[in-house]
Amino acid sequence: MSGPLYVPVLPAKPHALAAYQQLDPAVQSAVAPLWNLPPRSGLPPDVLRAETRRDAHAVSRRQRHHPAWLDAPFADAAQLTALAAVLAELGELGPLRPVTGPDRPVSHQSACLVHAQACGNGLGIRVAMPREWDGAAALAVADLLARVDPAVETDLLLDLAAVQADRAEATKEALRALDFLMPLIPWRTAAVLSGAFPQVTAEKLEHGLHAEPRMDWHTWRELSDSGRGYARWLSHGDYGIQSVRALARETSQGGGPPWGTLRYTTEESFVLAKVLARGEDRITVNRAAARQLTELPDFRGAAAGAGESWLRDCAHGRGPSGTGNATVWLRVGNVQHMSYVVRSLRT
């Protein structure tokens, strides 16, 4: 079994695509994203297919040289039909791996199985486990795997979804699932995904910097120290600097709140700072927020990557980049987070 060091769950949106492209090559080579197509509902079939194709091709262009997975976990029946048509076009577009799961419609499973067999890039099986592991899930996974051609290289993506302080048994449940899943087939990759980034509200950020514990990282360390023979083969995955629920939102058509969030990842916490999207005080407030992050004892310095250098420039008014907007803040947060996670895993 072999696999990437790190599997971030990323939305197939401009900010995440740009963040992946901005990673240092040494970091990028250790990252294999699980790209999530955004949900798109209520569109005419031709428009839906065109937008699904655009999203998939945008991912493919970023992944010409490194493998990654492509999933549509929030798609309705119409979007899944459009994705099946797009999958048939993707065979020549780089090492993208389709993803299905035991909870997906049979038509979606079949389309992914056919595509994986025809293109030879492999197949991802995403097993959703937002709560405890149960026998029904075990049977569903086994039934799906029985339909996979043994010649197709298959990846396990065990998705714990949100793992925060109120889910103390997450590691124990993950081990129960892995004890069942790991012996089923010779997986090419086995990754455990979880997300601890919080739902951010303006009230939460009213009193300066706010820190939230990185329970996903804590869960990963417990899995690594579990003593299971397969633990050393597992790849770490997380939802990065967005909440699990954020990926299920429809693509925004503009607007949004008058405030936003700068994010910084430390060993134990996500540190959040409030910034303004508009208003007379925007530049002053945003530079002060960036300055607070650069003054953290855990700030890694501008040489750590494009995320840290942007925060430094924003804090001190250097360069042409200004103080950003929602897309920039997400991009910067993703770059610093992914870079830090890779370096943490290597050490």
Protein backbone atom coordinates (compact mmCIF):
# COMPACT_ATOMS: atom_id res chain seq x y z
CA MET A 1 0.00 0.00 0.00
CA SER A 2 1.23 3.48 -0.83
CA GLY A 3 -0.45 6.85 -0.81
CA PRO A 4 0.01 10.60 -0.50
CA LEU A 5 1.12 12.16 2.73
CA TYR A 6 -1.87 14.50 2.89
CA VAL A 7 -5.39 14.47 1.43
CA PRO A 8 -7.15 17.84 1.91
CA VAL A 9 -10.86 18.01 1.11
CA LEU A 10 -11.16 21.07 -1.12
CA PRO A 11 -14.06 22.72 -2.96
CA ALA A 12 -13.59 22.99 -6.73
CA LYS A 13 -13.75 26.77 -6.49
CA PRO A 14 -11.30 29.48 -7.58
CA HIS A 15 -9.84 30.20 -4.13
CA ALA A 16 -8.93 26.55 -3.46
CA LEU A 17 -7.66 25.93 -6.99
CA ALA A 18 -5.42 29.01 -6.71
CA ALA A 19 -4.19 27.93 -3.27
CA TYR A 20 -3.17 24.51 -4.55
CA GLN A 21 -1.33 26.15 -7.45
CA GLN A 22 0.52 28.47 -5.04
CA LEU A 23 1.95 25.66 -2.93
CA ASP A 24 5.69 25.23 -2.98
CA PRO A 25 6.51 22.33 -5.36
CA ALA A 26 8.00 20.29 -2.51
CA VAL A 27 4.72 20.66 -0.60
CA GLN A 28 2.47 20.16 -3.61
CA SER A 29 4.12 16.84 -4.44
CA ALA A 30 2.93 15.44 -1.08
CA VAL A 31 -0.67 16.63 -1.52
CA ALA A 32 -3.43 14.71 -3.30
CA PRO A 33 -6.67 16.70 -2.90
CA LEU A 34 -10.15 15.29 -2.77
CA TRP A 35 -11.86 17.90 -4.94
CA ASN A 36 -15.58 18.42 -4.25
CA LEU A 37 -17.78 19.81 -7.00
CA PRO A 38 -20.15 22.41 -5.53
CA PRO A 39 -23.86 21.57 -5.48
CA ARG A 40 -25.80 23.12 -8.35
CA SER A 41 -29.57 22.77 -8.31
CA GLY A 42 -32.42 24.13 -10.39
CA LEU A 43 -30.42 24.71 -13.57
CA PRO A 44 -31.53 23.72 -17.09
CA PRO A 45 -29.80 20.47 -18.18
CA ASP A 46 -27.54 22.13 -20.75
CA VAL A 47 -26.41 24.82 -18.30
CA LEU A 48 -25.87 22.24 -15.55
CA ARG A 49 -23.74 20.08 -17.82
CA ALA A 50 -21.70 23.09 -18.98
CA GLU A 51 -21.01 24.24 -15.42
CA THR A 52 -20.17 20.73 -14.25
CA ARG A 53 -17.78 20.39 -17.20
CA ARG A 54 -16.20 23.75 -16.38
CA ASP A 55 -15.62 22.76 -12.74
CA ALA A 56 -14.17 19.36 -13.67
CA HIS A 57 -11.87 20.79 -16.32
CA ALA A 58 -10.62 23.49 -13.93
CA VAL A 59 -9.57 20.76 -11.51
CA SER A 60 -8.03 18.71 -14.30
CA ARG A 61 -5.86 21.62 -15.43
CA ARG A 62 -4.40 21.93 -11.91
CA GLN A 63 -3.79 18.19 -11.66
CA ARG A 64 -1.95 17.53 -14.90
CA HIS A 65 1.13 16.30 -13.05
CA HIS A 66 -0.22 14.96 -9.73
CA PRO A 67 -3.08 12.55 -9.01
CA ALA A 68 -6.24 13.65 -7.19
CA TRP A 69 -9.83 12.57 -6.63
CA LEU A 70 -12.95 14.22 -8.05
CA ASP A 71 -16.23 13.88 -6.16
CA ALA A 72 -19.74 15.35 -6.13
CA PRO A 73 -21.01 14.35 -2.69
CA PHE A 74 -23.84 16.90 -2.58
CA ALA A 75 -25.16 16.42 -6.11
CA ASP A 76 -28.82 15.76 -6.83
CA ALA A 77 -29.95 13.30 -9.51
CA ALA A 78 -29.72 15.89 -12.30
CA GLN A 79 -26.17 16.89 -11.40
CA LEU A 80 -25.11 13.25 -11.10
CA THR A 81 -26.43 12.65 -14.63
CA ALA A 82 -24.39 15.61 -15.87
CA LEU A 83 -21.31 14.37 -14.03
CA ALA A 84 -21.62 10.91 -15.59
CA ALA A 85 -21.46 12.54 -19.02
CA VAL A 86 -18.47 14.67 -18.03
CA LEU A 87 -16.63 11.69 -16.55
CA ALA A 88 -16.70 10.06 -19.97
CA GLU A 89 -14.73 13.06 -21.30
CA LEU A 90 -12.11 13.11 -18.56
CA GLY A 91 -10.06 10.09 -19.54
CA GLU A 92 -7.58 12.22 -21.46
CA LEU A 93 -7.41 15.01 -18.91
CA GLY A 94 -4.81 13.80 -16.44
CA PRO A 95 -4.73 11.48 -13.43
CA LEU A 96 -8.13 12.31 -11.94
CA ARG A 97 -9.78 9.51 -9.98
CA PRO A 98 -13.58 9.32 -9.81
CA VAL A 99 -15.18 8.86 -6.39
CA THR A 100 -18.31 7.04 -5.41
CA GLY A 101 -19.56 5.53 -2.18
CA PRO A 102 -21.96 3.01 -0.67
CA ASP A 103 -24.52 5.75 -0.04
CA ARG A 104 -24.60 6.97 -3.67
CA PRO A 105 -27.29 6.04 -6.23
CA VAL A 106 -26.58 2.88 -8.20
CA SER A 107 -26.42 4.92 -11.42
CA HIS A 108 -23.62 7.07 -9.97
CA GLN A 109 -21.73 4.03 -8.72
CA SER A 110 -22.00 2.37 -12.13
CA ALA A 111 -20.77 5.45 -14.00
CA CYS A 112 -17.71 5.71 -11.73
CA LEU A 113 -16.96 1.99 -12.01
CA VAL A 114 -17.10 2.14 -15.81
CA HIS A 115 -14.94 5.27 -15.93
CA ALA A 116 -12.34 3.81 -13.53
CA GLN A 117 -12.07 0.63 -15.56
CA ALA A 118 -11.82 2.46 -18.89
CA CYS A 119 -9.29 5.13 -17.87
CA GLY A 120 -6.98 3.24 -15.56
CA ASN A 121 -6.48 5.99 -12.97
CA GLY A 122 -8.21 4.09 -10.20
CA LEU A 123 -11.31 4.63 -8.08
CA GLY A 124 -12.02 6.31 -4.76
CA ILE A 125 -14.54 4.80 -2.33
CA ARG A 126 -15.69 7.51 0.06
CA VAL A 127 -17.23 5.97 3.15
CA ALA A 128 -19.19 8.61 5.06
CA MET A 129 -19.14 8.14 8.83
CA PRO A 130 -20.54 11.31 10.40
CA ARG A 131 -21.48 9.41 13.54
CA GLU A 132 -20.74 5.88 14.76
CA TRP A 133 -19.80 2.91 12.61
CA ASP A 134 -22.56 0.36 12.10
CA GLY A 135 -23.25 -2.99 10.45
CA ALA A 136 -25.39 -1.53 7.67
CA ALA A 137 -22.50 0.61 6.47
CA ALA A 138 -20.20 -2.41 6.55
CA LEU A 139 -22.55 -4.46 4.35
CA ALA A 140 -23.02 -1.58 1.90
CA VAL A 141 -19.26 -1.16 1.43
CA ALA A 142 -18.76 -4.88 0.91
CA ASP A 143 -21.57 -4.97 -1.67
CA LEU A 144 -20.06 -2.05 -3.59
CA LEU A 145 -16.58 -3.55 -3.60
CA ALA A 146 -17.98 -6.80 -4.99
CA ARG A 147 -18.84 -4.84 -8.16
CA VAL A 148 -15.36 -3.34 -8.61
CA ASP A 149 -13.10 -5.00 -11.16
CA PRO A 150 -10.15 -6.49 -9.21
CA ALA A 151 -7.79 -4.92 -11.75
CA VAL A 152 -8.91 -1.40 -10.75
CA GLU A 153 -6.69 0.20 -8.12
CA THR A 154 -9.02 1.34 -5.35
CA ASP A 155 -8.63 3.96 -2.63
CA LEU A 156 -10.40 4.11 0.72
CA LEU A 157 -11.51 7.58 1.81
CA LEU A 158 -12.98 7.19 5.29
CA ASP A 159 -14.77 10.48 5.95
CA LEU A 160 -15.52 11.19 9.62
CA ALA A 161 -16.98 14.60 8.64
CA ALA A 162 -17.09 17.11 11.54
CA VAL A 163 -14.92 16.12 14.50
CA GLN A 164 -15.07 18.68 17.28
CA ALA A 165 -15.00 18.73 21.06
CA ASP A 166 -18.46 17.15 21.36
CA ARG A 167 -17.34 13.99 19.52
CA ALA A 168 -15.01 12.36 22.01
CA GLU A 169 -15.42 8.85 20.56
CA ALA A 170 -14.34 9.76 17.02
CA THR A 171 -11.03 7.91 17.17
CA LYS A 172 -12.60 4.79 18.66
CA GLU A 173 -15.29 4.74 15.95
CA ALA A 174 -12.71 5.30 13.21
CA LEU A 175 -10.70 2.34 14.46
CA ARG A 176 -13.82 0.15 14.46
CA ALA A 177 -14.45 1.10 10.85
CA LEU A 178 -10.83 0.63 9.79
CA ASP A 179 -10.60 -2.76 11.51
CA PHE A 180 -13.41 -3.90 9.22
CA LEU A 181 -12.47 -2.02 6.04
CA MET A 182 -8.72 -2.48 5.82
CA PRO A 183 -8.74 -6.28 5.31
CA LEU A 184 -11.47 -6.21 2.61
CA ILE A 185 -9.16 -5.58 -0.37
CA PRO A 186 -5.57 -4.47 -0.99
CA TRP A 187 -6.30 -0.74 -1.00
CA ARG A 188 -3.91 1.44 -3.00
CA THR A 189 -4.46 4.33 -0.55
CA ALA A 190 -6.30 4.52 2.75
CA ALA A 191 -7.00 8.05 4.01
CA VAL A 192 -8.91 9.21 7.08
CA LEU A 193 -10.65 12.58 6.62
CA SER A 194 -12.12 14.82 9.30
CA GLY A 195 -12.88 18.49 9.82
CA ALA A 196 -12.62 20.59 12.96
CA PHE A 197 -12.84 24.10 11.58
CA PRO A 198 -15.80 25.82 13.27
CA GLN A 199 -18.84 27.64 12.00
CA VAL A 200 -17.67 31.25 12.26
CA THR A 201 -20.00 34.00 13.44
CA ALA A 202 -19.38 37.72 13.84
CA GLU A 203 -20.12 37.42 17.56
CA LYS A 204 -17.38 34.80 17.97
CA LEU A 205 -14.82 37.30 16.64
CA GLU A 206 -15.96 40.43 18.48
CA HIS A 207 -13.28 40.30 21.18
CA GLY A 208 -10.08 39.97 19.17
CA LEU A 209 -8.35 36.78 18.13
CA HIS A 210 -10.33 33.60 18.66
CA ALA A 211 -8.78 30.11 18.89
CA GLU A 212 -10.55 26.81 18.19
CA PRO A 213 -8.90 23.45 18.99
CA ARG A 214 -7.74 21.33 16.03
CA MET A 215 -9.65 18.20 17.03
CA ASP A 216 -9.10 16.70 13.57
CA TRP A 217 -5.33 16.81 14.15
CA HIS A 218 -5.80 15.40 17.66
CA THR A 219 -7.84 12.51 16.20
CA TRP A 220 -5.12 11.86 13.62
CA ARG A 221 -2.43 11.66 16.30
CA GLU A 222 -4.53 9.18 18.26
CA LEU A 223 -4.97 7.03 15.15
CA SER A 224 -1.24 7.15 14.48
CA ASP A 225 -0.50 6.07 18.06
CA SER A 226 -3.19 3.34 18.13
CA GLY A 227 -0.77 0.45 17.68
CA ARG A 228 -2.74 -0.94 14.73
CA GLY A 229 -0.52 -2.56 12.12
CA TYR A 230 -2.14 -0.54 9.34
CA ALA A 231 -1.71 2.83 11.09
CA ARG A 232 1.62 3.59 9.39
CA TRP A 233 0.00 3.19 5.96
CA LEU A 234 -2.81 5.68 6.57
CA SER A 235 -2.87 9.07 4.86
CA HIS A 236 -4.02 12.08 6.85
CA GLY A 237 -6.89 14.12 5.48
CA ASP A 238 -8.83 17.14 6.71
CA TYR A 239 -11.24 19.87 5.61
CA GLY A 240 -8.65 22.58 6.11
CA ILE A 241 -9.76 26.10 6.90
CA GLN A 242 -13.47 25.70 6.15
CA SER A 243 -16.17 23.92 8.09
CA VAL A 244 -17.56 20.64 6.79
CA ARG A 245 -20.91 22.35 6.18
CA ALA A 246 -19.33 25.10 4.07
CA LEU A 247 -18.57 22.68 1.24
CA ALA A 248 -22.25 21.79 0.88
CA ARG A 249 -23.34 25.36 0.13
CA GLU A 250 -24.45 26.41 -3.31
CA THR A 251 -22.02 28.62 -5.23
CA SER A 252 -22.56 32.24 -4.17
CA GLN A 253 -23.60 34.79 -6.75
CA GLY A 254 -22.12 37.77 -4.93
CA GLY A 255 -23.09 39.74 -1.87
CA GLY A 256 -22.14 38.23 1.46
CA PRO A 257 -21.68 39.71 4.92
CA PRO A 258 -19.75 42.95 5.50
CA TRP A 259 -17.05 41.04 7.42
CA GLY A 260 -14.76 38.07 6.86
CA THR A 261 -12.09 35.98 8.56
CA LEU A 262 -8.34 35.67 8.44
CA ARG A 263 -7.23 32.19 9.51
CA TYR A 264 -3.96 30.85 10.84
CA THR A 265 -3.10 27.28 11.79
CA THR A 266 -0.91 26.42 14.76
CA GLU A 267 -0.06 23.03 16.22
CA GLU A 268 -3.09 22.97 18.50
CA SER A 269 -5.49 25.60 17.18
CA PHE A 270 -7.13 27.45 14.35
CA VAL A 271 -6.64 31.14 15.16
CA LEU A 272 -9.27 33.47 13.67
CA ALA A 273 -9.26 37.24 13.21
CA LYS A 274 -12.17 39.38 12.00
CA VAL A 275 -11.68 41.57 8.94
CA LEU A 276 -14.01 43.88 7.02
CA ALA A 277 -15.24 43.38 3.47
CA ARG A 278 -16.30 47.01 3.07
CA GLY A 279 -16.56 50.29 4.96
CA GLU A 280 -14.33 53.26 5.69
CA ASP A 281 -12.30 51.42 8.35
CA ARG A 282 -11.66 48.34 6.21
CA ILE A 283 -7.96 48.91 5.47
CA THR A 284 -7.08 49.90 9.05
CA VAL A 285 -9.00 47.01 10.61
CA ASN A 286 -7.68 44.43 8.17
CA ARG A 287 -4.05 45.44 8.54
CA ALA A 288 -4.41 45.32 12.32
CA ALA A 289 -5.94 41.83 12.12
CA ALA A 290 -3.08 40.57 9.93
CA ARG A 291 -0.59 42.18 12.31
CA GLN A 292 -2.11 40.29 15.25
CA LEU A 293 -1.55 37.00 13.43
CA THR A 294 2.03 37.85 12.48
CA GLU A 295 2.73 38.67 16.13
CA LEU A 296 1.62 35.23 17.36
CA PRO A 297 4.44 33.23 18.97
CA ASP A 298 3.55 30.44 16.51
CA PHE A 299 3.77 32.60 13.38
CA ARG A 300 6.22 30.86 11.09
CA GLY A 301 7.59 33.88 9.26
CA ALA A 302 7.19 35.12 5.69
CA ALA A 303 9.66 32.54 4.36
CA ALA A 304 7.27 29.71 5.33
CA GLY A 305 5.16 30.19 2.21
CA ALA A 306 2.84 32.38 0.16
CA GLY A 307 0.26 32.48 2.98
CA GLU A 308 2.63 33.90 5.55
CA SER A 309 4.21 36.35 3.10
CA TRP A 310 0.76 37.72 2.22
CA LEU A 311 -0.09 38.18 5.91
CA ARG A 312 3.19 40.03 6.46
CA ASP A 313 2.58 42.30 3.48
CA CYS A 314 -1.00 42.97 4.55
CA ALA A 315 0.07 43.73 8.12
CA HIS A 316 2.70 46.24 7.11
CA GLY A 317 1.27 47.71 3.92
CA ARG A 318 3.86 46.19 1.61
CA GLY A 319 3.39 45.21 -2.01
CA PRO A 320 0.40 45.66 -4.31
CA SER A 321 -1.89 43.03 -2.79
CA GLY A 322 -3.82 45.29 -0.44
CA THR A 323 -5.94 43.85 2.36
CA GLY A 324 -7.89 41.28 0.34
CA ASN A 325 -11.44 40.07 0.00
CA ALA A 326 -13.29 36.85 0.81
CA THR A 327 -11.66 34.92 -2.03
CA VAL A 328 -8.17 36.11 -1.09
CA TRP A 329 -8.65 35.34 2.61
CA LEU A 330 -9.72 31.78 1.80
CA ARG A 331 -6.81 31.31 -0.60
CA VAL A 332 -4.27 32.61 1.90
CA GLY A 333 -5.75 30.47 4.67
CA ASN A 334 -5.60 27.35 2.51
CA VAL A 335 -2.00 27.92 1.42
CA GLN A 336 -0.64 28.40 4.93
CA HIS A 337 -2.68 25.50 6.31
CA MET A 338 -1.74 22.93 3.66
CA SER A 339 1.92 23.95 3.80
CA TYR A 340 1.99 23.63 7.58
CA VAL A 341 0.22 20.26 7.64
CA VAL A 342 2.63 18.74 5.12
CA ARG A 343 5.65 19.95 7.06
CA SER A 344 4.12 18.70 10.34
CA LEU A 345 3.51 15.26 8.84
CA ARG A 346 7.08 15.09 7.55
CA THR A 347 8.52 15.82 10.97
